[in-house]
Amino acid sequence: MFVCTVNPNKVDSLTEEILGIRGVVTTRDLLGGERNVHVEVVADTVGEIEEIRNELADLGLTINSSEIISETRVQSWDHFYPRPGPDARQDDDIDDGSVTDQG
């Protein structure tokens, strides 16, 4: 994962070029702040990561930091929303995320 700075006026025009780099799988635009783009890459070797880093720099991205991610865990949105059940829109008095069953 590369954390980068890009001129905010150029983010949209650079996105396709960033995604066109071999090994880039995801870009994320962040609102506000200097570090406004995350670029996630997949590579087999450190050398390939360095090549990707160089291509990002050639596009004009300033790389502020990089992290090697060893594992990613994802939880689907339907784990907590929408709420199931006939009274899904009515919460009980306790703000614990549960739904009152009045059935």
N, C-alpha and C. Protein backbone atom coordinates (compact mmCIF):
# COMPACT_ATOMS: atom_id res chain seq x y z
N MET A 1 0.86 -1.17 0.00
CA MET A 1 0.00 0.00 0.00
C MET A 1 0.90 1.22 0.00
N PHE A 2 0.71 2.06 -1.01
CA PHE A 2 1.43 3.32 -1.08
C PHE A 2 0.48 4.45 -0.67
N VAL A 3 0.92 5.31 0.21
CA VAL A 3 0.18 6.50 0.59
C VAL A 3 0.85 7.66 -0.14
N CYS A 4 0.06 8.35 -0.96
CA CYS A 4 0.64 9.33 -1.89
C CYS A 4 -0.03 10.69 -1.77
N THR A 5 0.69 11.67 -2.31
CA THR A 5 0.14 13.01 -2.48
C THR A 5 0.08 13.30 -3.97
N VAL A 6 -1.10 13.75 -4.40
CA VAL A 6 -1.32 14.12 -5.80
C VAL A 6 -2.04 15.46 -5.80
N ASN A 7 -1.71 16.29 -6.74
CA ASN A 7 -2.44 17.54 -6.90
C ASN A 7 -3.92 17.19 -7.02
N PRO A 8 -4.77 17.73 -6.13
CA PRO A 8 -6.20 17.37 -6.16
C PRO A 8 -6.86 17.61 -7.52
N ASN A 9 -6.37 18.56 -8.28
CA ASN A 9 -6.94 18.83 -9.60
C ASN A 9 -6.56 17.78 -10.64
N LYS A 10 -5.60 16.92 -10.31
CA LYS A 10 -5.13 15.91 -11.26
C LYS A 10 -5.53 14.49 -10.88
N VAL A 11 -6.14 14.32 -9.72
CA VAL A 11 -6.47 12.96 -9.26
C VAL A 11 -7.33 12.22 -10.26
N ASP A 12 -8.41 12.84 -10.71
CA ASP A 12 -9.32 12.15 -11.65
C ASP A 12 -8.62 11.77 -12.95
N SER A 13 -7.80 12.65 -13.46
CA SER A 13 -7.15 12.36 -14.73
C SER A 13 -6.05 11.32 -14.59
N LEU A 14 -5.49 11.15 -13.40
CA LEU A 14 -4.42 10.18 -13.20
C LEU A 14 -4.92 8.79 -12.82
N THR A 15 -6.15 8.68 -12.39
CA THR A 15 -6.65 7.40 -11.88
C THR A 15 -6.50 6.28 -12.90
N GLU A 16 -6.90 6.50 -14.13
CA GLU A 16 -6.80 5.44 -15.14
C GLU A 16 -5.34 5.08 -15.42
N GLU A 17 -4.47 6.09 -15.41
CA GLU A 17 -3.05 5.81 -15.63
C GLU A 17 -2.46 4.99 -14.47
N ILE A 18 -2.88 5.33 -13.25
CA ILE A 18 -2.41 4.57 -12.08
C ILE A 18 -2.89 3.13 -12.18
N LEU A 19 -4.16 2.94 -12.50
CA LEU A 19 -4.71 1.59 -12.61
C LEU A 19 -4.10 0.82 -13.79
N GLY A 20 -3.53 1.53 -14.74
CA GLY A 20 -2.90 0.89 -15.88
C GLY A 20 -1.52 0.32 -15.59
N ILE A 21 -0.97 0.64 -14.43
CA ILE A 21 0.34 0.11 -14.05
C ILE A 21 0.18 -1.34 -13.62
N ARG A 22 0.99 -2.20 -14.20
CA ARG A 22 0.93 -3.63 -13.87
C ARG A 22 1.18 -3.81 -12.36
N GLY A 23 0.25 -4.48 -11.70
CA GLY A 23 0.36 -4.74 -10.27
C GLY A 23 -0.54 -3.87 -9.41
N VAL A 24 -1.02 -2.75 -9.96
CA VAL A 24 -1.93 -1.89 -9.20
C VAL A 24 -3.32 -2.51 -9.25
N VAL A 25 -3.92 -2.72 -8.06
CA VAL A 25 -5.24 -3.33 -8.01
C VAL A 25 -6.32 -2.38 -7.52
N THR A 26 -5.95 -1.36 -6.75
CA THR A 26 -6.95 -0.45 -6.18
C THR A 26 -6.35 0.93 -5.99
N THR A 27 -7.15 1.96 -6.28
CA THR A 27 -6.80 3.31 -5.85
C THR A 27 -7.94 3.82 -5.00
N ARG A 28 -7.60 4.60 -4.00
CA ARG A 28 -8.60 5.22 -3.13
C ARG A 28 -8.28 6.70 -3.01
N ASP A 29 -9.25 7.54 -3.35
CA ASP A 29 -9.10 8.98 -3.20
C ASP A 29 -9.59 9.33 -1.80
N LEU A 30 -8.80 10.10 -1.08
CA LEU A 30 -9.16 10.52 0.27
C LEU A 30 -9.55 11.99 0.25
N LEU A 31 -10.54 12.33 1.03
CA LEU A 31 -10.97 13.72 1.11
C LEU A 31 -10.07 14.48 2.06
N GLY A 32 -9.62 15.62 1.62
CA GLY A 32 -8.83 16.50 2.47
C GLY A 32 -7.46 15.96 2.80
N GLY A 33 -6.62 16.82 3.28
CA GLY A 33 -5.30 16.43 3.71
C GLY A 33 -4.31 16.32 2.57
N GLU A 34 -3.05 16.28 2.95
CA GLU A 34 -1.99 16.19 1.96
C GLU A 34 -1.91 14.80 1.36
N ARG A 35 -2.04 13.79 2.18
CA ARG A 35 -1.97 12.40 1.71
C ARG A 35 -3.35 12.01 1.21
N ASN A 36 -3.57 12.17 -0.08
CA ASN A 36 -4.92 12.09 -0.61
C ASN A 36 -5.20 10.90 -1.52
N VAL A 37 -4.21 10.02 -1.73
CA VAL A 37 -4.44 8.84 -2.57
C VAL A 37 -3.74 7.63 -1.94
N HIS A 38 -4.47 6.54 -1.84
CA HIS A 38 -3.88 5.24 -1.47
C HIS A 38 -3.84 4.39 -2.73
N VAL A 39 -2.73 3.72 -2.95
CA VAL A 39 -2.60 2.83 -4.09
C VAL A 39 -2.22 1.45 -3.55
N GLU A 40 -3.07 0.47 -3.82
CA GLU A 40 -2.81 -0.89 -3.37
C GLU A 40 -2.26 -1.69 -4.55
N VAL A 41 -1.16 -2.40 -4.30
CA VAL A 41 -0.52 -3.17 -5.36
C VAL A 41 -0.33 -4.61 -4.91
N VAL A 42 -0.17 -5.48 -5.90
CA VAL A 42 0.15 -6.88 -5.65
C VAL A 42 1.40 -7.20 -6.47
N ALA A 43 2.39 -7.80 -5.80
CA ALA A 43 3.63 -8.13 -6.49
C ALA A 43 4.25 -9.37 -5.85
N ASP A 44 5.10 -10.05 -6.63
CA ASP A 44 5.78 -11.26 -6.13
C ASP A 44 7.09 -10.94 -5.42
N THR A 45 7.73 -9.85 -5.81
CA THR A 45 9.05 -9.57 -5.26
C THR A 45 9.16 -8.10 -4.86
N VAL A 46 10.16 -7.82 -4.04
CA VAL A 46 10.44 -6.44 -3.67
C VAL A 46 10.84 -5.64 -4.91
N GLY A 47 11.54 -6.28 -5.82
CA GLY A 47 11.93 -5.60 -7.06
C GLY A 47 10.73 -5.12 -7.86
N GLU A 48 9.68 -5.94 -7.91
CA GLU A 48 8.46 -5.54 -8.62
C GLU A 48 7.78 -4.37 -7.90
N ILE A 49 7.82 -4.39 -6.58
CA ILE A 49 7.24 -3.28 -5.82
C ILE A 49 8.01 -1.99 -6.12
N GLU A 50 9.31 -2.08 -6.20
CA GLU A 50 10.13 -0.91 -6.52
C GLU A 50 9.83 -0.39 -7.92
N GLU A 51 9.60 -1.29 -8.87
CA GLU A 51 9.25 -0.87 -10.23
C GLU A 51 7.92 -0.11 -10.22
N ILE A 52 6.95 -0.63 -9.49
CA ILE A 52 5.64 0.03 -9.39
C ILE A 52 5.81 1.40 -8.75
N ARG A 53 6.59 1.46 -7.68
CA ARG A 53 6.85 2.74 -7.01
C ARG A 53 7.44 3.75 -7.99
N ASN A 54 8.40 3.30 -8.79
CA ASN A 54 9.03 4.21 -9.76
C ASN A 54 8.03 4.69 -10.81
N GLU A 55 7.15 3.81 -11.26
CA GLU A 55 6.15 4.22 -12.25
C GLU A 55 5.16 5.22 -11.65
N LEU A 56 4.80 5.02 -10.39
CA LEU A 56 3.92 5.99 -9.72
C LEU A 56 4.60 7.35 -9.63
N ALA A 57 5.87 7.35 -9.27
CA ALA A 57 6.62 8.61 -9.18
C ALA A 57 6.73 9.27 -10.56
N ASP A 58 6.90 8.46 -11.60
CA ASP A 58 6.99 9.00 -12.97
C ASP A 58 5.69 9.69 -13.38
N LEU A 59 4.55 9.24 -12.81
CA LEU A 59 3.26 9.88 -13.11
C LEU A 59 3.08 11.19 -12.34
N GLY A 60 3.97 11.45 -11.38
CA GLY A 60 3.88 12.68 -10.62
C GLY A 60 3.35 12.51 -9.21
N LEU A 61 3.16 11.27 -8.76
CA LEU A 61 2.72 11.04 -7.40
C LEU A 61 3.91 11.17 -6.46
N THR A 62 3.71 11.84 -5.34
CA THR A 62 4.71 11.89 -4.28
C THR A 62 4.35 10.77 -3.30
N ILE A 63 5.25 9.83 -3.12
CA ILE A 63 4.97 8.72 -2.21
C ILE A 63 5.43 9.11 -0.82
N ASN A 64 4.46 9.23 0.08
CA ASN A 64 4.74 9.64 1.46
C ASN A 64 5.16 8.46 2.33
N SER A 65 4.55 7.31 2.09
CA SER A 65 4.91 6.12 2.85
C SER A 65 4.43 4.89 2.11
N SER A 66 4.98 3.75 2.51
CA SER A 66 4.54 2.49 1.93
C SER A 66 4.52 1.44 3.03
N GLU A 67 3.60 0.53 2.90
CA GLU A 67 3.45 -0.55 3.87
C GLU A 67 3.29 -1.85 3.11
N ILE A 68 3.89 -2.90 3.61
CA ILE A 68 3.67 -4.23 3.05
C ILE A 68 2.63 -4.92 3.92
N ILE A 69 1.52 -5.25 3.32
CA ILE A 69 0.39 -5.85 4.03
C ILE A 69 0.52 -7.36 3.93
N SER A 70 0.52 -8.03 5.07
CA SER A 70 0.68 -9.48 5.04
C SER A 70 -0.64 -10.21 4.93
N GLU A 71 -1.74 -9.58 5.38
CA GLU A 71 -3.03 -10.24 5.30
C GLU A 71 -4.14 -9.20 5.37
N THR A 72 -5.22 -9.46 4.64
CA THR A 72 -6.38 -8.58 4.65
C THR A 72 -7.60 -9.39 5.03
N ARG A 73 -8.41 -8.85 5.91
CA ARG A 73 -9.67 -9.48 6.28
C ARG A 73 -10.78 -8.49 5.94
N VAL A 74 -11.84 -8.99 5.32
CA VAL A 74 -12.94 -8.13 4.91
C VAL A 74 -14.24 -8.69 5.46
N GLN A 75 -15.07 -7.81 5.96
CA GLN A 75 -16.40 -8.19 6.44
C GLN A 75 -17.42 -7.51 5.54
N SER A 76 -18.39 -8.26 5.09
CA SER A 76 -19.38 -7.69 4.18
C SER A 76 -20.30 -6.72 4.91
N TRP A 77 -20.82 -5.77 4.15
CA TRP A 77 -21.72 -4.77 4.73
C TRP A 77 -22.99 -5.40 5.29
N ASP A 78 -23.44 -6.49 4.69
CA ASP A 78 -24.70 -7.07 5.16
C ASP A 78 -24.56 -7.73 6.53
N HIS A 79 -23.37 -7.72 7.08
CA HIS A 79 -23.17 -8.24 8.43
C HIS A 79 -23.94 -7.39 9.46
N PHE A 80 -24.05 -6.11 9.20
CA PHE A 80 -24.71 -5.23 10.15
C PHE A 80 -25.79 -4.35 9.55
N TYR A 81 -25.93 -4.35 8.23
CA TYR A 81 -26.95 -3.51 7.62
C TYR A 81 -27.34 -4.11 6.28
N PRO A 82 -28.58 -4.18 5.90
CA PRO A 82 -29.74 -3.71 6.65
C PRO A 82 -30.09 -4.68 7.77
N ARG A 83 -30.80 -4.15 8.75
CA ARG A 83 -31.19 -4.95 9.90
C ARG A 83 -32.32 -5.89 9.51
N PRO A 84 -32.23 -7.13 9.90
CA PRO A 84 -33.28 -8.09 9.57
C PRO A 84 -34.48 -7.97 10.51
N GLY A 85 -35.57 -8.54 10.14
CA GLY A 85 -36.72 -8.65 11.04
C GLY A 85 -37.83 -7.68 10.72
N PRO A 86 -39.02 -7.96 11.25
CA PRO A 86 -40.19 -7.14 10.95
C PRO A 86 -40.12 -5.74 11.53
N ASP A 87 -39.41 -5.54 12.64
CA ASP A 87 -39.30 -4.23 13.26
C ASP A 87 -37.91 -3.63 13.07
N ALA A 88 -37.35 -3.84 11.92
CA ALA A 88 -35.97 -3.46 11.67
C ALA A 88 -35.72 -1.97 11.79
N ARG A 89 -36.74 -1.17 11.65
CA ARG A 89 -36.57 0.28 11.71
C ARG A 89 -36.76 0.84 13.10
N GLN A 90 -37.12 -0.01 14.04
CA GLN A 90 -37.39 0.47 15.40
C GLN A 90 -36.35 -0.09 16.35
N ASP A 91 -35.53 0.78 16.92
CA ASP A 91 -34.53 0.37 17.91
C ASP A 91 -35.16 0.33 19.29
N ASP A 92 -34.57 -0.47 20.17
CA ASP A 92 -34.99 -0.43 21.57
C ASP A 92 -34.30 0.75 22.24
N ASP A 93 -34.48 0.92 23.54
CA ASP A 93 -33.93 2.08 24.25
C ASP A 93 -32.43 1.97 24.49
N ILE A 94 -31.86 0.81 24.33
CA ILE A 94 -30.44 0.61 24.54
C ILE A 94 -29.72 0.71 23.21
N ASP A 95 -28.71 1.55 23.14
CA ASP A 95 -27.97 1.74 21.89
C ASP A 95 -26.87 0.70 21.75
N ASP A 96 -27.29 -0.56 21.61
CA ASP A 96 -26.31 -1.64 21.45
C ASP A 96 -26.34 -2.25 20.08
N GLY A 97 -27.08 -1.64 19.17
CA GLY A 97 -27.13 -2.12 17.81
C GLY A 97 -28.18 -3.19 17.60
N SER A 98 -28.82 -3.64 18.66
CA SER A 98 -29.82 -4.69 18.52
C SER A 98 -31.17 -4.08 18.16
N VAL A 99 -32.09 -4.93 17.73
CA VAL A 99 -33.42 -4.48 17.33
C VAL A 99 -34.44 -5.12 18.28
N THR A 100 -35.40 -4.33 18.71
CA THR A 100 -36.44 -4.83 19.60
C THR A 100 -37.37 -5.75 18.84
N ASP A 101 -37.59 -6.94 19.38
CA ASP A 101 -38.52 -7.91 18.75
C ASP A 101 -39.84 -7.82 19.49
N GLN A 102 -40.83 -7.25 18.82
CA GLN A 102 -42.14 -7.08 19.45
C GLN A 102 -43.13 -8.06 18.85
N GLY A 103 -42.65 -9.11 18.20
CA GLY A 103 -43.50 -10.01 17.47
C GLY A 103 -44.04 -11.12 18.24
